[in-house]
Amino acid sequence: VLRAFGALALVTAIGCTAQYRNHGYVPSEETLQQLKVGVDTRATVDDVIGAPSAAGVLTDGDYYYVRSRVREYGAFRPQVVERQVLAISFNQNDTIRNIERIG
């Protein structure tokens, strides 16, 4: 009985501890420094950073890299506690127009 109670207490304690998970990818500031606005192209971004998490609605749209940090706590619904979005927009000639962090 004492062993079962101890196991139950341990499971309860672990279940009430917040767990954090990361989803997605946003490149580091050091990696972004390799890219030059107005000079580098979409192909360069693909080579330096990799494929984006999501692309713009239209073909050849802007690139969006998204990273979310989710907290799970016991029986409660998972909650997004942090979200970062990196948007890279391109000119008509496929050079980088802007690099912007959101969130």
Protein backbone atom coordinates (compact mmCIF):
# COMPACT_ATOMS: atom_id res chain seq x y z
CA VAL A 1 0.00 0.00 0.00
CA LEU A 2 2.81 2.41 0.91
CA ARG A 3 4.59 1.63 -2.36
CA ALA A 4 1.40 2.29 -4.39
CA PHE A 5 0.84 5.56 -2.54
CA GLY A 6 4.45 6.62 -3.25
CA ALA A 7 4.07 5.78 -6.94
CA LEU A 8 0.80 7.73 -7.11
CA ALA A 9 2.42 10.72 -5.41
CA LEU A 10 5.33 10.61 -7.87
CA VAL A 11 3.02 10.44 -10.91
CA THR A 12 0.94 13.31 -9.53
CA ALA A 13 4.04 15.45 -8.95
CA ILE A 14 5.37 14.77 -12.44
CA GLY A 15 1.96 15.46 -13.99
CA CYS A 16 1.84 18.87 -12.32
CA THR A 17 5.22 19.95 -13.61
CA ALA A 18 5.18 22.23 -16.64
CA GLN A 19 6.67 20.71 -19.79
CA TYR A 20 7.94 22.90 -22.64
CA ARG A 21 8.20 21.95 -26.30
CA ASN A 22 9.60 23.90 -29.22
CA HIS A 23 8.03 23.70 -32.68
CA GLY A 24 9.38 25.14 -35.90
CA TYR A 25 12.59 26.97 -36.73
CA VAL A 26 13.79 30.57 -36.79
CA PRO A 27 17.42 31.13 -37.85
CA SER A 28 19.87 32.72 -35.43
CA GLU A 29 20.99 36.34 -35.69
CA GLU A 30 24.49 35.17 -36.68
CA THR A 31 23.07 33.21 -39.61
CA LEU A 32 20.94 36.16 -40.72
CA GLN A 33 24.01 38.40 -40.77
CA GLN A 34 25.24 36.36 -43.75
CA LEU A 35 22.36 37.74 -45.84
CA LYS A 36 22.44 41.21 -47.42
CA VAL A 37 19.24 43.10 -48.27
CA GLY A 38 19.17 44.13 -51.95
CA VAL A 39 22.06 41.81 -52.82
CA ASP A 40 21.25 38.22 -51.91
CA THR A 41 18.54 36.27 -53.68
CA ARG A 42 15.89 33.70 -52.84
CA ALA A 43 18.37 30.96 -53.87
CA THR A 44 20.95 32.35 -51.42
CA VAL A 45 18.37 32.31 -48.62
CA ASP A 46 17.59 28.67 -49.46
CA ASP A 47 21.29 27.81 -49.27
CA VAL A 48 22.13 29.78 -46.10
CA ILE A 49 18.99 29.27 -44.01
CA GLY A 50 17.13 26.40 -45.63
CA ALA A 51 13.55 25.94 -46.69
CA PRO A 52 11.01 28.15 -44.90
CA SER A 53 8.28 26.90 -42.58
CA ALA A 54 5.70 28.57 -44.81
CA ALA A 55 5.74 30.54 -48.03
CA GLY A 56 3.54 33.42 -49.08
CA VAL A 57 0.08 32.77 -50.46
CA LEU A 58 1.20 33.29 -54.04
CA THR A 59 3.86 31.28 -55.84
CA ASP A 60 7.30 32.82 -55.28
CA GLY A 61 5.90 34.70 -52.27
CA ASP A 62 7.74 35.88 -49.20
CA TYR A 63 9.34 33.43 -46.76
CA TYR A 64 8.13 32.96 -43.18
CA TYR A 65 10.05 31.04 -40.54
CA VAL A 66 7.97 30.32 -37.44
CA ARG A 67 9.00 29.03 -34.01
CA SER A 68 6.58 28.44 -31.13
CA ARG A 69 7.26 27.49 -27.54
CA VAL A 70 4.37 25.53 -26.02
CA ARG A 71 3.79 24.88 -22.33
CA GLU A 72 1.95 21.73 -21.26
CA TYR A 73 0.82 21.61 -17.65
CA GLY A 74 -0.99 18.61 -16.26
CA ALA A 75 -4.45 18.08 -17.73
CA PHE A 76 -4.71 21.67 -18.98
CA ARG A 77 -4.80 22.51 -22.67
CA PRO A 78 -1.33 23.24 -24.15
CA GLN A 79 -0.61 26.98 -24.28
CA VAL A 80 1.67 28.88 -26.67
CA VAL A 81 3.89 30.99 -24.41
CA GLU A 82 6.16 32.43 -27.10
CA ARG A 83 6.01 32.74 -30.88
CA GLN A 84 8.64 34.20 -33.18
CA VAL A 85 8.15 34.87 -36.87
CA LEU A 86 10.93 35.82 -39.26
CA ALA A 87 9.64 37.31 -42.51
CA ILE A 88 11.90 37.66 -45.54
CA SER A 89 10.33 39.58 -48.40
CA PHE A 90 11.66 39.70 -51.95
CA ASN A 91 11.71 42.26 -54.77
CA GLN A 92 10.42 41.42 -58.26
CA ASN A 93 13.98 40.48 -59.29
CA ASP A 94 14.10 37.93 -56.41
CA THR A 95 16.58 39.89 -54.27
CA ILE A 96 15.85 40.36 -50.58
CA ARG A 97 13.69 43.44 -49.96
CA ASN A 98 13.43 43.20 -46.15
CA ILE A 99 14.18 40.93 -43.20
CA GLU A 100 11.89 41.44 -40.23
CA ARG A 101 11.36 39.72 -36.87
CA ILE A 102 7.82 39.67 -35.53
CA GLY A 103 6.76 38.56 -32.05
